[in-house]
Amino acid sequence: MTTHESFWHKAFHLYYDGFRNMTLGRTLWLIIAIKLFVIFLVLKLFFFPDFIGQHAEKGHESDFVAGEICKRGVEKPPVVPQGGQLIP
């Protein structure tokens, strides 16, 4: 190693050597990757449908969202008691 290595170069080699010499950690990283796959892909497919894509016209998604925000804001105005403080 030279004496004039940058911080980023030293940090890269630290992690590179650490991951290369790992034994148990590889299994744990595999488990983490599988969990992230399940959380972000499988749950999104089954529990979070494309609501905007189904209800908005193609190319006018932002107008649909703005309209829904304005419409829902008018339907339920905030409650302001006599003291003047806003209650959510």
N, C-alpha and C. Protein backbone atom coordinates (compact mmCIF):
# COMPACT_ATOMS: atom_id res chain seq x y z
N MET A 1 0.83 -1.17 0.00
CA MET A 1 0.00 0.00 0.00
C MET A 1 0.88 1.24 0.00
N THR A 2 0.48 2.22 -0.77
CA THR A 2 1.23 3.47 -0.77
C THR A 2 0.77 4.36 0.36
N THR A 3 1.55 5.35 0.68
CA THR A 3 1.21 6.22 1.79
C THR A 3 0.24 7.32 1.39
N HIS A 4 0.00 7.50 0.10
CA HIS A 4 -0.86 8.59 -0.37
C HIS A 4 -2.21 8.11 -0.87
N GLU A 5 -2.75 7.07 -0.28
CA GLU A 5 -4.06 6.57 -0.70
C GLU A 5 -5.16 7.45 -0.13
N SER A 6 -6.21 7.65 -0.89
CA SER A 6 -7.31 8.48 -0.43
C SER A 6 -8.17 7.73 0.57
N PHE A 7 -9.01 8.49 1.22
CA PHE A 7 -9.93 7.90 2.19
C PHE A 7 -10.83 6.87 1.53
N TRP A 8 -11.35 7.19 0.34
CA TRP A 8 -12.28 6.29 -0.35
C TRP A 8 -11.60 5.00 -0.76
N HIS A 9 -10.35 5.10 -1.16
CA HIS A 9 -9.60 3.90 -1.56
C HIS A 9 -9.37 3.00 -0.35
N LYS A 10 -9.02 3.60 0.78
CA LYS A 10 -8.82 2.82 2.02
C LYS A 10 -10.13 2.18 2.47
N ALA A 11 -11.22 2.92 2.40
CA ALA A 11 -12.51 2.39 2.82
C ALA A 11 -12.95 1.24 1.91
N PHE A 12 -12.73 1.38 0.60
CA PHE A 12 -13.08 0.31 -0.33
C PHE A 12 -12.31 -0.96 0.01
N HIS A 13 -11.01 -0.84 0.24
CA HIS A 13 -10.21 -2.03 0.55
C HIS A 13 -10.60 -2.64 1.89
N LEU A 14 -11.00 -1.82 2.84
CA LEU A 14 -11.45 -2.34 4.13
C LEU A 14 -12.66 -3.26 3.94
N TYR A 15 -13.67 -2.78 3.21
CA TYR A 15 -14.87 -3.58 2.98
C TYR A 15 -14.60 -4.76 2.04
N TYR A 16 -13.78 -4.54 1.03
CA TYR A 16 -13.46 -5.61 0.08
C TYR A 16 -12.78 -6.77 0.78
N ASP A 17 -11.78 -6.49 1.60
CA ASP A 17 -11.10 -7.55 2.34
C ASP A 17 -12.02 -8.21 3.35
N GLY A 18 -12.88 -7.41 3.98
CA GLY A 18 -13.81 -7.96 4.97
C GLY A 18 -14.80 -8.92 4.35
N PHE A 19 -15.38 -8.55 3.21
CA PHE A 19 -16.35 -9.43 2.56
C PHE A 19 -15.68 -10.65 1.94
N ARG A 20 -14.44 -10.50 1.48
CA ARG A 20 -13.75 -11.62 0.86
C ARG A 20 -13.42 -12.71 1.89
N ASN A 21 -13.14 -12.32 3.12
CA ASN A 21 -12.75 -13.28 4.16
C ASN A 21 -13.92 -13.74 5.02
N MET A 22 -15.12 -13.37 4.68
CA MET A 22 -16.29 -13.74 5.46
C MET A 22 -16.67 -15.21 5.25
N THR A 23 -17.16 -15.85 6.30
CA THR A 23 -17.70 -17.21 6.16
C THR A 23 -19.16 -17.23 6.60
N LEU A 24 -19.43 -16.97 7.85
CA LEU A 24 -20.80 -16.96 8.36
C LEU A 24 -21.56 -15.76 7.81
N GLY A 25 -20.87 -14.66 7.60
CA GLY A 25 -21.51 -13.44 7.12
C GLY A 25 -22.16 -13.60 5.77
N ARG A 26 -21.60 -14.42 4.90
CA ARG A 26 -22.20 -14.63 3.59
C ARG A 26 -23.59 -15.24 3.70
N THR A 27 -23.73 -16.17 4.61
CA THR A 27 -25.05 -16.78 4.84
C THR A 27 -26.03 -15.74 5.38
N LEU A 28 -25.56 -14.92 6.31
CA LEU A 28 -26.44 -13.90 6.87
C LEU A 28 -26.84 -12.87 5.82
N TRP A 29 -25.90 -12.48 4.94
CA TRP A 29 -26.23 -11.54 3.87
C TRP A 29 -27.21 -12.16 2.89
N LEU A 30 -27.11 -13.45 2.66
CA LEU A 30 -28.06 -14.13 1.78
C LEU A 30 -29.47 -14.09 2.39
N ILE A 31 -29.56 -14.32 3.68
CA ILE A 31 -30.86 -14.26 4.37
C ILE A 31 -31.43 -12.85 4.29
N ILE A 32 -30.59 -11.84 4.50
CA ILE A 32 -31.05 -10.45 4.41
C ILE A 32 -31.55 -10.15 3.00
N ALA A 33 -30.83 -10.60 1.98
CA ALA A 33 -31.24 -10.35 0.60
C ALA A 33 -32.58 -11.02 0.28
N ILE A 34 -32.78 -12.23 0.77
CA ILE A 34 -34.04 -12.93 0.54
C ILE A 34 -35.19 -12.20 1.23
N LYS A 35 -34.96 -11.73 2.46
CA LYS A 35 -35.99 -10.99 3.18
C LYS A 35 -36.35 -9.70 2.45
N LEU A 36 -35.35 -8.98 1.96
CA LEU A 36 -35.62 -7.74 1.22
C LEU A 36 -36.40 -8.03 -0.06
N PHE A 37 -36.07 -9.12 -0.73
CA PHE A 37 -36.79 -9.52 -1.92
C PHE A 37 -38.26 -9.76 -1.60
N VAL A 38 -38.51 -10.49 -0.53
CA VAL A 38 -39.89 -10.79 -0.13
C VAL A 38 -40.63 -9.51 0.24
N ILE A 39 -39.99 -8.65 1.01
CA ILE A 39 -40.65 -7.43 1.46
C ILE A 39 -40.99 -6.52 0.29
N PHE A 40 -40.02 -6.25 -0.57
CA PHE A 40 -40.23 -5.24 -1.59
C PHE A 40 -40.91 -5.75 -2.85
N LEU A 41 -40.73 -6.97 -3.21
CA LEU A 41 -41.32 -7.45 -4.44
C LEU A 41 -42.63 -8.19 -4.21
N VAL A 42 -42.60 -9.20 -3.39
CA VAL A 42 -43.79 -10.04 -3.19
C VAL A 42 -44.91 -9.26 -2.51
N LEU A 43 -44.60 -8.52 -1.44
CA LEU A 43 -45.64 -7.77 -0.75
C LEU A 43 -46.22 -6.68 -1.63
N LYS A 44 -45.39 -6.04 -2.44
CA LYS A 44 -45.89 -5.00 -3.34
C LYS A 44 -46.85 -5.59 -4.36
N LEU A 45 -46.52 -6.74 -4.90
CA LEU A 45 -47.38 -7.35 -5.90
C LEU A 45 -48.75 -7.73 -5.36
N PHE A 46 -48.80 -8.23 -4.12
CA PHE A 46 -50.05 -8.75 -3.60
C PHE A 46 -50.84 -7.75 -2.76
N PHE A 47 -50.18 -6.82 -2.08
CA PHE A 47 -50.88 -5.96 -1.13
C PHE A 47 -50.96 -4.49 -1.55
N PHE A 48 -50.21 -4.08 -2.55
CA PHE A 48 -50.22 -2.67 -2.96
C PHE A 48 -50.50 -2.59 -4.45
N PRO A 49 -51.77 -2.60 -4.83
CA PRO A 49 -52.11 -2.54 -6.25
C PRO A 49 -51.80 -1.16 -6.83
N ASP A 50 -51.76 -1.06 -8.14
CA ASP A 50 -51.48 0.19 -8.84
C ASP A 50 -52.76 1.00 -8.93
N PHE A 51 -53.12 1.66 -7.83
CA PHE A 51 -54.39 2.39 -7.75
C PHE A 51 -54.42 3.56 -8.73
N ILE A 52 -53.34 4.32 -8.79
CA ILE A 52 -53.31 5.48 -9.68
C ILE A 52 -53.36 5.03 -11.13
N GLY A 53 -52.64 3.98 -11.47
CA GLY A 53 -52.64 3.48 -12.83
C GLY A 53 -54.01 2.99 -13.28
N GLN A 54 -54.79 2.48 -12.35
CA GLN A 54 -56.12 1.97 -12.68
C GLN A 54 -57.17 3.07 -12.79
N HIS A 55 -56.99 4.17 -12.05
CA HIS A 55 -58.02 5.19 -11.99
C HIS A 55 -57.70 6.46 -12.77
N ALA A 56 -56.46 6.68 -13.12
CA ALA A 56 -56.08 7.90 -13.84
C ALA A 56 -55.86 7.61 -15.31
N GLU A 57 -56.08 8.62 -16.14
CA GLU A 57 -55.81 8.47 -17.56
C GLU A 57 -54.30 8.50 -17.79
N LYS A 58 -53.85 7.83 -18.81
CA LYS A 58 -52.43 7.77 -19.14
C LYS A 58 -51.89 9.17 -19.42
N GLY A 59 -50.85 9.55 -18.72
CA GLY A 59 -50.24 10.86 -18.90
C GLY A 59 -50.82 11.95 -18.01
N HIS A 60 -51.92 11.65 -17.30
CA HIS A 60 -52.56 12.64 -16.43
C HIS A 60 -52.59 12.16 -14.98
N GLU A 61 -51.58 11.40 -14.59
CA GLU A 61 -51.53 10.87 -13.23
C GLU A 61 -51.39 11.98 -12.20
N SER A 62 -50.58 12.99 -12.50
CA SER A 62 -50.38 14.08 -11.55
C SER A 62 -51.66 14.87 -11.34
N ASP A 63 -52.46 15.05 -12.39
CA ASP A 63 -53.74 15.74 -12.26
C ASP A 63 -54.69 14.94 -11.38
N PHE A 64 -54.68 13.63 -11.53
CA PHE A 64 -55.53 12.76 -10.71
C PHE A 64 -55.16 12.88 -9.24
N VAL A 65 -53.86 12.83 -8.94
CA VAL A 65 -53.41 12.92 -7.55
C VAL A 65 -53.76 14.28 -6.96
N ALA A 66 -53.51 15.35 -7.71
CA ALA A 66 -53.84 16.69 -7.22
C ALA A 66 -55.34 16.83 -6.97
N GLY A 67 -56.15 16.30 -7.86
CA GLY A 67 -57.59 16.36 -7.67
C GLY A 67 -58.05 15.59 -6.45
N GLU A 68 -57.47 14.43 -6.22
CA GLU A 68 -57.84 13.62 -5.05
C GLU A 68 -57.44 14.32 -3.76
N ILE A 69 -56.27 14.94 -3.75
CA ILE A 69 -55.82 15.65 -2.54
C ILE A 69 -56.75 16.81 -2.25
N CYS A 70 -57.09 17.58 -3.28
CA CYS A 70 -57.99 18.73 -3.08
C CYS A 70 -59.38 18.28 -2.67
N LYS A 71 -59.89 17.22 -3.31
CA LYS A 71 -61.24 16.72 -3.01
C LYS A 71 -61.31 16.21 -1.58
N ARG A 72 -60.33 15.46 -1.15
CA ARG A 72 -60.35 14.91 0.20
C ARG A 72 -60.12 15.99 1.25
N GLY A 73 -59.40 17.04 0.90
CA GLY A 73 -59.21 18.14 1.83
C GLY A 73 -60.47 18.93 2.07
N VAL A 74 -61.34 19.02 1.05
CA VAL A 74 -62.59 19.75 1.17
C VAL A 74 -63.62 18.93 1.92
N GLU A 75 -63.59 17.61 1.75
CA GLU A 75 -64.58 16.73 2.39
C GLU A 75 -64.47 16.76 3.91
N LYS A 76 -63.26 16.89 4.45
CA LYS A 76 -63.08 16.84 5.89
C LYS A 76 -62.22 18.01 6.33
N PRO A 77 -62.83 19.16 6.57
CA PRO A 77 -62.05 20.31 7.02
C PRO A 77 -61.56 20.10 8.45
N PRO A 78 -60.48 20.74 8.83
CA PRO A 78 -59.99 20.58 10.20
C PRO A 78 -60.94 21.21 11.20
N VAL A 79 -60.97 20.66 12.40
CA VAL A 79 -61.84 21.14 13.46
C VAL A 79 -61.07 22.18 14.27
N VAL A 80 -61.64 23.37 14.39
CA VAL A 80 -61.01 24.43 15.17
C VAL A 80 -61.96 24.79 16.30
N PRO A 81 -61.61 24.44 17.54
CA PRO A 81 -62.48 24.78 18.67
C PRO A 81 -62.39 26.27 18.99
N GLN A 82 -63.13 26.72 20.01
CA GLN A 82 -63.16 28.13 20.36
C GLN A 82 -61.81 28.67 20.76
N GLY A 83 -60.95 27.84 21.32
CA GLY A 83 -59.62 28.28 21.74
C GLY A 83 -58.72 28.64 20.58
N GLY A 84 -59.05 28.17 19.38
CA GLY A 84 -58.29 28.52 18.21
C GLY A 84 -57.20 27.55 17.85
N GLN A 85 -57.01 26.49 18.63
CA GLN A 85 -55.96 25.53 18.33
C GLN A 85 -56.52 24.42 17.46
N LEU A 86 -55.73 24.03 16.48
CA LEU A 86 -56.16 23.02 15.50
C LEU A 86 -56.10 21.62 16.10
N ILE A 87 -57.15 20.84 15.93
CA ILE A 87 -57.20 19.45 16.39
C ILE A 87 -57.18 18.55 15.17
N PRO A 88 -56.20 17.62 15.08
CA PRO A 88 -56.14 16.74 13.90
C PRO A 88 -57.26 15.75 13.84
